[in-house]
Amino acid sequence: MKAQVLSLDGSVLREIELPRVFEEEYRPDLIKKAVIALQSTRRQPHGTYPYAGILSSAHSWGSGRGVAQVPRIKGGSRAAKVPQAKGGREAHPPVVEKVLVRRINKKEKQKAFWSALAATVSEEIVRARGHVFSAKVPIILEDRFEDLKKTSEVIPVLAAAGVLGDIEKAKVSRKVRAGRGKMRGRRYKQKKSLLIVTGKKPLAAAGNLAGVDVATVDQLNCELLAPGTLPGRLTVWTESAIARLGGEQ
């Protein structure tokens, strides 16, 4: 499989041969499994106080009084301790011993990663994910792109490459989250747009664009390539990134 390398002004410089990893079989089931396994490692164990709801003087009156034999507070008749009582214990509370991390085999994880990479060069899969672009995938830029220092220098290059529309789409998608999360450091929700992959170091100049993630080849994982378990992320590569990727398989 061959692809074109673009200059910073969008013109075609040359054609290169893509690594064999981009010909991997498309396996959305494995990709989803790998993303969920990765996300599960960030879950924090939590549980309740073991004696919550049962630190009470309540005890049952026993039989013979014509009332339910539930524990009742001394000096009164209000039920306590049991789950159906106000202020009683929770029936099945969360426990810190619960296993939260999902496991995935090494070979499954590796195949899922290759499959997620291959999905980024399929125009049908990328468009099905909702990305907006006018270029032909894969989008590969010359290595001078990695040397840009300012966001104002990056934007014209992405516009020339035909992917700026996807960033604009992500920018207008930002909205206030519904629910308690807005009070807990995650007030806003925003769609994902580009993934910019470089060879040497992440392109910091593009890091504050709406929905954009930046990474090197060594930092790639299934979650970056398939956010929300949906494969086919619109990805911009540099030529050196493609060259380094050739040794992955």
C-alpha atoms as a PDB file:
ATOM      1  CA  MET A   1       0.000   0.000   0.000  1.00  0.00           C
ATOM      2  CA  LYS A   2       1.343   3.422  -0.994  1.00  0.00           C
ATOM      3  CA  ALA A   3       0.544   6.902   0.297  1.00  0.00           C
ATOM      4  CA  GLN A   4       1.424  10.479  -0.546  1.00  0.00           C
ATOM      5  CA  VAL A   5       3.627  12.717   1.566  1.00  0.00           C
ATOM      6  CA  LEU A   6       2.409  16.329   1.681  1.00  0.00           C
ATOM      7  CA  SER A   7       4.420  19.476   2.166  1.00  0.00           C
ATOM      8  CA  LEU A   8       3.390  22.183   4.609  1.00  0.00           C
ATOM      9  CA  ASP A   9       1.452  23.988   1.853  1.00  0.00           C
ATOM     10  CA  GLY A  10      -0.532  20.868   0.939  1.00  0.00           C
ATOM     11  CA  SER A  11       1.304  19.964  -2.273  1.00  0.00           C
ATOM     12  CA  VAL A  12       2.418  16.394  -2.952  1.00  0.00           C
ATOM     13  CA  LEU A  13       6.140  15.784  -2.401  1.00  0.00           C
ATOM     14  CA  ARG A  14       6.483  12.041  -3.044  1.00  0.00           C
ATOM     15  CA  GLU A  15       4.991   8.616  -2.525  1.00  0.00           C
ATOM     16  CA  ILE A  16       6.102   6.173   0.151  1.00  0.00           C
ATOM     17  CA  GLU A  17       5.330   2.547   0.927  1.00  0.00           C
ATOM     18  CA  LEU A  18       3.244   2.079   4.072  1.00  0.00           C
ATOM     19  CA  PRO A  19       4.260  -0.522   6.665  1.00  0.00           C
ATOM     20  CA  ARG A  20       2.462  -3.877   6.528  1.00  0.00           C
ATOM     21  CA  VAL A  21       0.765  -3.111   9.841  1.00  0.00           C
ATOM     22  CA  PHE A  22      -1.759  -0.948   7.959  1.00  0.00           C
ATOM     23  CA  GLU A  23      -2.982  -4.071   6.151  1.00  0.00           C
ATOM     24  CA  GLU A  24      -4.044  -5.775   9.380  1.00  0.00           C
ATOM     25  CA  GLU A  25      -7.506  -7.366   9.617  1.00  0.00           C
ATOM     26  CA  TYR A  26     -10.196  -5.040  10.992  1.00  0.00           C
ATOM     27  CA  ARG A  27     -11.347  -6.368  14.393  1.00  0.00           C
ATOM     28  CA  PRO A  28     -13.641  -3.857  16.170  1.00  0.00           C
ATOM     29  CA  ASP A  29     -14.434  -6.465  18.842  1.00  0.00           C
ATOM     30  CA  LEU A  30     -10.787  -6.734  19.913  1.00  0.00           C
ATOM     31  CA  ILE A  31     -10.336  -2.960  19.729  1.00  0.00           C
ATOM     32  CA  LYS A  32     -13.271  -2.422  22.094  1.00  0.00           C
ATOM     33  CA  LYS A  33     -11.935  -5.053  24.485  1.00  0.00           C
ATOM     34  CA  ALA A  34      -8.471  -3.447  24.538  1.00  0.00           C
ATOM     35  CA  VAL A  35      -9.821   0.079  25.113  1.00  0.00           C
ATOM     36  CA  ILE A  36     -12.047  -1.037  27.996  1.00  0.00           C
ATOM     37  CA  ALA A  37      -9.126  -2.935  29.548  1.00  0.00           C
ATOM     38  CA  LEU A  38      -6.975   0.200  29.350  1.00  0.00           C
ATOM     39  CA  GLN A  39      -9.676   2.444  30.795  1.00  0.00           C
ATOM     40  CA  SER A  40     -10.327   0.032  33.669  1.00  0.00           C
ATOM     41  CA  THR A  41      -6.812   0.579  35.026  1.00  0.00           C
ATOM     42  CA  ARG A  42      -7.781   4.171  35.878  1.00  0.00           C
ATOM     43  CA  ARG A  43     -10.763   3.220  38.007  1.00  0.00           C
ATOM     44  CA  GLN A  44     -10.301   3.938  41.699  1.00  0.00           C
ATOM     45  CA  PRO A  45     -11.505   1.350  44.253  1.00  0.00           C
ATOM     46  CA  HIS A  46     -14.017   2.681  46.752  1.00  0.00           C
ATOM     47  CA  GLY A  47     -16.236   1.252  49.445  1.00  0.00           C
ATOM     48  CA  THR A  48     -18.359   2.144  52.428  1.00  0.00           C
ATOM     49  CA  TYR A  49     -17.544   2.114  56.142  1.00  0.00           C
ATOM     50  CA  PRO A  50     -18.080  -1.518  57.214  1.00  0.00           C
ATOM     51  CA  TYR A  51     -20.245  -0.538  60.184  1.00  0.00           C
ATOM     52  CA  ALA A  52     -22.303   2.118  58.404  1.00  0.00           C
ATOM     53  CA  GLY A  53     -25.966   1.858  59.398  1.00  0.00           C
ATOM     54  CA  ILE A  54     -25.519  -0.813  62.088  1.00  0.00           C
ATOM     55  CA  LEU A  55     -23.997   1.240  64.925  1.00  0.00           C
ATOM     56  CA  SER A  56     -27.265   1.409  66.775  1.00  0.00           C
ATOM     57  CA  SER A  57     -28.839   0.336  70.065  1.00  0.00           C
ATOM     58  CA  ALA A  58     -31.641  -1.367  68.124  1.00  0.00           C
ATOM     59  CA  HIS A  59     -32.723  -4.904  68.927  1.00  0.00           C
ATOM     60  CA  SER A  60     -35.812  -6.938  68.134  1.00  0.00           C
ATOM     61  CA  TRP A  61     -38.763  -7.033  70.541  1.00  0.00           C
ATOM     62  CA  GLY A  62     -39.236 -10.713  69.716  1.00  0.00           C
ATOM     63  CA  SER A  63     -42.549 -12.443  69.136  1.00  0.00           C
ATOM     64  CA  GLY A  64     -45.857 -11.994  70.915  1.00  0.00           C
ATOM     65  CA  ARG A  65     -46.422  -8.269  70.328  1.00  0.00           C
ATOM     66  CA  GLY A  66     -48.191  -8.395  66.973  1.00  0.00           C
ATOM     67  CA  VAL A  67     -45.492  -6.384  65.221  1.00  0.00           C
ATOM     68  CA  ALA A  68     -42.670  -7.207  62.809  1.00  0.00           C
ATOM     69  CA  GLN A  69     -39.595  -8.663  64.492  1.00  0.00           C
ATOM     70  CA  VAL A  70     -37.184  -6.063  63.076  1.00  0.00           C
ATOM     71  CA  PRO A  71     -34.570  -4.362  65.264  1.00  0.00           C
ATOM     72  CA  ARG A  72     -36.030  -1.299  66.974  1.00  0.00           C
ATOM     73  CA  ILE A  73     -34.238   1.556  68.716  1.00  0.00           C
ATOM     74  CA  LYS A  74     -34.274   1.349  72.513  1.00  0.00           C
ATOM     75  CA  GLY A  75     -36.724   3.773  74.062  1.00  0.00           C
ATOM     76  CA  GLY A  76     -38.778   3.954  70.861  1.00  0.00           C
ATOM     77  CA  SER A  77     -40.361   1.868  68.154  1.00  0.00           C
ATOM     78  CA  ARG A  78     -38.555   3.038  65.036  1.00  0.00           C
ATOM     79  CA  ALA A  79     -36.880   0.254  63.040  1.00  0.00           C
ATOM     80  CA  ALA A  80     -33.127   0.455  62.457  1.00  0.00           C
ATOM     81  CA  LYS A  81     -30.127  -1.539  61.175  1.00  0.00           C
ATOM     82  CA  VAL A  82     -31.995  -3.478  58.460  1.00  0.00           C
ATOM     83  CA  PRO A  83     -31.828  -2.221  54.843  1.00  0.00           C
ATOM     84  CA  GLN A  84     -35.570  -1.442  54.681  1.00  0.00           C
ATOM     85  CA  ALA A  85     -35.342   0.905  57.676  1.00  0.00           C
ATOM     86  CA  LYS A  86     -34.590   4.616  57.454  1.00  0.00           C
ATOM     87  CA  GLY A  87     -30.914   5.064  58.263  1.00  0.00           C
ATOM     88  CA  GLY A  88     -30.298   1.320  58.141  1.00  0.00           C
ATOM     89  CA  ARG A  89     -27.418  -0.450  56.434  1.00  0.00           C
ATOM     90  CA  GLU A  90     -27.169  -0.675  52.666  1.00  0.00           C
ATOM     91  CA  ALA A  91     -28.057  -4.108  51.305  1.00  0.00           C
ATOM     92  CA  HIS A  92     -25.144  -4.559  48.914  1.00  0.00           C
ATOM     93  CA  PRO A  93     -22.696  -1.656  49.367  1.00  0.00           C
ATOM     94  CA  PRO A  94     -19.608  -1.164  47.177  1.00  0.00           C
ATOM     95  CA  VAL A  95     -16.484  -2.849  48.523  1.00  0.00           C
ATOM     96  CA  VAL A  96     -12.835  -2.045  47.898  1.00  0.00           C
ATOM     97  CA  GLU A  97     -12.108  -5.734  47.267  1.00  0.00           C
ATOM     98  CA  LYS A  98     -14.020  -5.692  43.974  1.00  0.00           C
ATOM     99  CA  VAL A  99     -11.776  -6.459  40.989  1.00  0.00           C
ATOM    100  CA  LEU A 100     -12.068  -3.463  38.665  1.00  0.00           C
ATOM    101  CA  VAL A 101      -9.284  -4.144  36.162  1.00  0.00           C
ATOM    102  CA  ARG A 102     -10.306  -6.005  33.006  1.00  0.00           C
ATOM    103  CA  ARG A 103      -7.724  -8.422  31.661  1.00  0.00           C
ATOM    104  CA  ILE A 104      -6.721  -8.932  28.034  1.00  0.00           C
ATOM    105  CA  ASN A 105      -4.244 -11.374  26.539  1.00  0.00           C
ATOM    106  CA  LYS A 106      -0.991  -9.944  25.181  1.00  0.00           C
ATOM    107  CA  LYS A 107      -1.595 -11.262  21.683  1.00  0.00           C
ATOM    108  CA  GLU A 108      -5.155  -9.918  21.680  1.00  0.00           C
ATOM    109  CA  LYS A 109      -3.889  -6.534  22.832  1.00  0.00           C
ATOM    110  CA  GLN A 110      -1.215  -6.447  20.120  1.00  0.00           C
ATOM    111  CA  LYS A 111      -3.648  -7.482  17.383  1.00  0.00           C
ATOM    112  CA  ALA A 112      -6.164  -4.887  18.593  1.00  0.00           C
ATOM    113  CA  PHE A 113      -3.475  -2.189  18.366  1.00  0.00           C
ATOM    114  CA  TRP A 114      -2.541  -3.203  14.817  1.00  0.00           C
ATOM    115  CA  SER A 115      -6.205  -3.342  13.850  1.00  0.00           C
ATOM    116  CA  ALA A 116      -6.819   0.169  15.270  1.00  0.00           C
ATOM    117  CA  LEU A 117      -3.850   1.420  13.251  1.00  0.00           C
ATOM    118  CA  ALA A 118      -5.217  -0.151  10.074  1.00  0.00           C
ATOM    119  CA  ALA A 119      -8.625   1.467  10.671  1.00  0.00           C
ATOM    120  CA  THR A 120      -7.052   4.948  10.505  1.00  0.00           C
ATOM    121  CA  VAL A 121      -6.214   4.451   6.800  1.00  0.00           C
ATOM    122  CA  SER A 122      -9.713   3.315   5.809  1.00  0.00           C
ATOM    123  CA  GLU A 123     -11.685   6.307   4.552  1.00  0.00           C
ATOM    124  CA  GLU A 124     -14.965   4.450   4.995  1.00  0.00           C
ATOM    125  CA  ILE A 125     -14.302   3.703   8.684  1.00  0.00           C
ATOM    126  CA  VAL A 126     -12.968   7.213   9.397  1.00  0.00           C
ATOM    127  CA  ARG A 127     -16.017   8.884   7.826  1.00  0.00           C
ATOM    128  CA  ALA A 128     -18.349   6.492   9.651  1.00  0.00           C
ATOM    129  CA  ARG A 129     -16.875   7.787  12.902  1.00  0.00           C
ATOM    130  CA  GLY A 130     -18.131  11.276  11.977  1.00  0.00           C
ATOM    131  CA  HIS A 131     -14.882  13.047  11.091  1.00  0.00           C
ATOM    132  CA  VAL A 132     -14.945  15.937   8.620  1.00  0.00           C
ATOM    133  CA  PHE A 133     -12.077  16.114   6.114  1.00  0.00           C
ATOM    134  CA  SER A 134     -11.422  16.645   2.427  1.00  0.00           C
ATOM    135  CA  ALA A 135      -8.030  14.932   2.141  1.00  0.00           C
ATOM    136  CA  LYS A 136      -7.232  11.348   1.223  1.00  0.00           C
ATOM    137  CA  VAL A 137      -6.264   9.164   4.165  1.00  0.00           C
ATOM    138  CA  PRO A 138      -3.676   8.441   5.414  1.00  0.00           C
ATOM    139  CA  ILE A 139      -2.578  12.065   5.802  1.00  0.00           C
ATOM    140  CA  ILE A 140       1.226  12.172   5.973  1.00  0.00           C
ATOM    141  CA  LEU A 141       3.174  15.435   6.314  1.00  0.00           C
ATOM    142  CA  GLU A 142       6.849  16.092   5.828  1.00  0.00           C
ATOM    143  CA  ASP A 143       9.086  16.129   8.897  1.00  0.00           C
ATOM    144  CA  ARG A 144       9.333  19.924   8.958  1.00  0.00           C
ATOM    145  CA  PHE A 145       5.865  19.814  10.527  1.00  0.00           C
ATOM    146  CA  GLU A 146       7.456  18.560  13.762  1.00  0.00           C
ATOM    147  CA  ASP A 147       9.575  21.710  14.065  1.00  0.00           C
ATOM    148  CA  LEU A 148       6.645  24.149  14.264  1.00  0.00           C
ATOM    149  CA  LYS A 149       6.599  26.025  17.572  1.00  0.00           C
ATOM    150  CA  LYS A 150       3.363  28.042  17.474  1.00  0.00           C
ATOM    151  CA  THR A 151      -0.297  27.150  17.099  1.00  0.00           C
ATOM    152  CA  SER A 152      -0.641  29.969  14.551  1.00  0.00           C
ATOM    153  CA  GLU A 153       1.868  28.095  12.384  1.00  0.00           C
ATOM    154  CA  VAL A 154       0.111  24.749  12.743  1.00  0.00           C
ATOM    155  CA  ILE A 155      -3.396  25.919  11.759  1.00  0.00           C
ATOM    156  CA  PRO A 156      -2.536  26.901   8.132  1.00  0.00           C
ATOM    157  CA  VAL A 157      -0.799  23.552   7.615  1.00  0.00           C
ATOM    158  CA  LEU A 158      -3.825  21.601   8.841  1.00  0.00           C
ATOM    159  CA  ALA A 159      -6.076  23.764   6.654  1.00  0.00           C
ATOM    160  CA  ALA A 160      -3.896  23.000   3.628  1.00  0.00           C
ATOM    161  CA  ALA A 161      -4.056  19.294   4.492  1.00  0.00           C
ATOM    162  CA  GLY A 162      -7.875  19.446   4.505  1.00  0.00           C
ATOM    163  CA  VAL A 163      -8.518  18.530   8.163  1.00  0.00           C
ATOM    164  CA  LEU A 164      -9.199  21.889   9.823  1.00  0.00           C
ATOM    165  CA  GLY A 165     -12.963  21.397   9.462  1.00  0.00           C
ATOM    166  CA  ASP A 166     -12.858  18.548  11.947  1.00  0.00           C
ATOM    167  CA  ILE A 167     -11.253  20.801  14.570  1.00  0.00           C
ATOM    168  CA  GLU A 168     -13.945  23.429  13.982  1.00  0.00           C
ATOM    169  CA  LYS A 169     -16.600  20.743  14.464  1.00  0.00           C
ATOM    170  CA  ALA A 170     -15.045  19.719  17.784  1.00  0.00           C
ATOM    171  CA  LYS A 171     -14.800  23.348  18.888  1.00  0.00           C
ATOM    172  CA  VAL A 172     -18.550  24.018  18.527  1.00  0.00           C
ATOM    173  CA  SER A 173     -19.393  20.692  20.225  1.00  0.00           C
ATOM    174  CA  ARG A 174     -18.174  21.884  23.624  1.00  0.00           C
ATOM    175  CA  LYS A 175     -21.013  21.986  26.150  1.00  0.00           C
ATOM    176  CA  VAL A 176     -21.629  21.865  29.895  1.00  0.00           C
ATOM    177  CA  ARG A 177     -21.980  18.329  31.195  1.00  0.00           C
ATOM    178  CA  ALA A 178     -25.315  17.233  32.645  1.00  0.00           C
ATOM    179  CA  GLY A 179     -25.141  15.934  36.203  1.00  0.00           C
ATOM    180  CA  ARG A 180     -22.845  16.078  39.212  1.00  0.00           C
ATOM    181  CA  GLY A 181     -19.701  15.781  37.128  1.00  0.00           C
ATOM    182  CA  LYS A 182     -19.843  19.504  36.412  1.00  0.00           C
ATOM    183  CA  MET A 183     -18.901  20.069  40.072  1.00  0.00           C
ATOM    184  CA  ARG A 184     -16.058  17.564  40.040  1.00  0.00           C
ATOM    185  CA  GLY A 185     -13.500  18.937  37.643  1.00  0.00           C
ATOM    186  CA  ARG A 186     -15.144  17.707  34.428  1.00  0.00           C
ATOM    187  CA  ARG A 187     -17.558  20.528  33.694  1.00  0.00           C
ATOM    188  CA  TYR A 188     -17.321  20.415  29.911  1.00  0.00           C
ATOM    189  CA  LYS A 189     -17.725  17.692  27.279  1.00  0.00           C
ATOM    190  CA  GLN A 190     -16.162  17.979  23.831  1.00  0.00           C
ATOM    191  CA  LYS A 191     -15.837  15.691  20.820  1.00  0.00           C
ATOM    192  CA  LYS A 192     -12.487  14.272  19.777  1.00  0.00           C
ATOM    193  CA  SER A 193     -10.951  15.487  16.522  1.00  0.00           C
ATOM    194  CA  LEU A 194      -7.443  14.881  15.158  1.00  0.00           C
ATOM    195  CA  LEU A 195      -4.705  12.657  16.450  1.00  0.00           C
ATOM    196  CA  ILE A 196      -1.298  14.040  15.436  1.00  0.00           C
ATOM    197  CA  VAL A 197       1.450  11.412  15.535  1.00  0.00           C
ATOM    198  CA  THR A 198       5.107  12.450  15.302  1.00  0.00           C
ATOM    199  CA  GLY A 199       8.363  10.544  15.376  1.00  0.00           C
ATOM    200  CA  LYS A 200      10.564  12.331  17.923  1.00  0.00           C
ATOM    201  CA  LYS A 201       8.494  14.361  20.382  1.00  0.00           C
ATOM    202  CA  PRO A 202       4.802  15.373  20.653  1.00  0.00           C
ATOM    203  CA  LEU A 203       3.819  18.474  18.692  1.00  0.00           C
ATOM    204  CA  ALA A 204       3.133  20.783  21.640  1.00  0.00           C
ATOM    205  CA  ALA A 205       2.056  23.624  19.332  1.00  0.00           C
ATOM    206  CA  ALA A 206      -1.109  21.667  18.430  1.00  0.00           C
ATOM    207  CA  GLY A 207      -1.953  20.465  21.935  1.00  0.00           C
ATOM    208  CA  ASN A 208      -4.467  23.228  22.702  1.00  0.00           C
ATOM    209  CA  LEU A 209      -6.537  22.877  19.524  1.00  0.00           C
ATOM    210  CA  ALA A 210     -10.107  21.680  20.132  1.00  0.00           C
ATOM    211  CA  GLY A 211     -10.325  17.919  20.471  1.00  0.00           C
ATOM    212  CA  VAL A 212      -6.752  17.340  19.258  1.00  0.00           C
ATOM    213  CA  ASP A 213      -4.432  14.779  20.850  1.00  0.00           C
ATOM    214  CA  VAL A 214      -0.694  14.725  20.156  1.00  0.00           C
ATOM    215  CA  ALA A 215       1.583  11.736  20.625  1.00  0.00           C
ATOM    216  CA  THR A 216       4.704  10.047  19.370  1.00  0.00           C
ATOM    217  CA  VAL A 217       4.726   6.553  17.887  1.00  0.00           C
ATOM    218  CA  ASP A 218       5.969   5.158  21.211  1.00  0.00           C
ATOM    219  CA  GLN A 219       3.015   6.719  23.074  1.00  0.00           C
ATOM    220  CA  LEU A 220       0.288   5.295  20.834  1.00  0.00           C
ATOM    221  CA  ASN A 221      -2.338   2.986  22.316  1.00  0.00           C
ATOM    222  CA  CYS A 222      -5.779   1.690  21.407  1.00  0.00           C
ATOM    223  CA  GLU A 223      -7.583   4.436  23.330  1.00  0.00           C
ATOM    224  CA  LEU A 224      -5.843   7.200  21.367  1.00  0.00           C
ATOM    225  CA  LEU A 225      -6.566   5.442  18.070  1.00  0.00           C
ATOM    226  CA  ALA A 226     -10.159   4.536  18.992  1.00  0.00           C
ATOM    227  CA  PRO A 227     -11.599   6.936  21.602  1.00  0.00           C
ATOM    228  CA  GLY A 228     -14.781   5.628  23.161  1.00  0.00           C
ATOM    229  CA  THR A 229     -13.999   2.194  21.639  1.00  0.00           C
ATOM    230  CA  LEU A 230     -14.886   3.559  18.155  1.00  0.00           C
ATOM    231  CA  PRO A 231     -12.099   2.807  15.620  1.00  0.00           C
ATOM    232  CA  GLY A 232     -11.174   5.004  12.675  1.00  0.00           C
ATOM    233  CA  ARG A 233      -9.839   8.192  14.252  1.00  0.00           C
ATOM    234  CA  LEU A 234      -8.726  10.869  11.807  1.00  0.00           C
ATOM    235  CA  THR A 235      -4.939  10.790  12.161  1.00  0.00           C
ATOM    236  CA  VAL A 236      -2.190  13.054  10.818  1.00  0.00           C
ATOM    237  CA  TRP A 237       1.217  11.379  10.562  1.00  0.00           C
ATOM    238  CA  THR A 238       4.670  12.740   9.922  1.00  0.00           C
ATOM    239  CA  GLU A 239       6.994  10.895   7.581  1.00  0.00           C
ATOM    240  CA  SER A 240       9.385   9.963  10.387  1.00  0.00           C
ATOM    241  CA  ALA A 241       6.465   8.552  12.417  1.00  0.00           C
ATOM    242  CA  ILE A 242       5.553   6.244   9.540  1.00  0.00           C
ATOM    243  CA  ALA A 243       9.187   5.198   9.221  1.00  0.00           C
ATOM    244  CA  ARG A 244       9.419   4.311  12.924  1.00  0.00           C
ATOM    245  CA  LEU A 245       6.125   2.463  12.761  1.00  0.00           C
ATOM    246  CA  GLY A 246       7.636   0.143  10.183  1.00  0.00           C
ATOM    247  CA  GLY A 247       9.443  -1.712  12.955  1.00  0.00           C
ATOM    248  CA  GLU A 248       6.323  -2.312  15.092  1.00  0.00           C
ATOM    249  CA  GLN A 249       5.244  -5.588  13.489  1.00  0.00           C
END
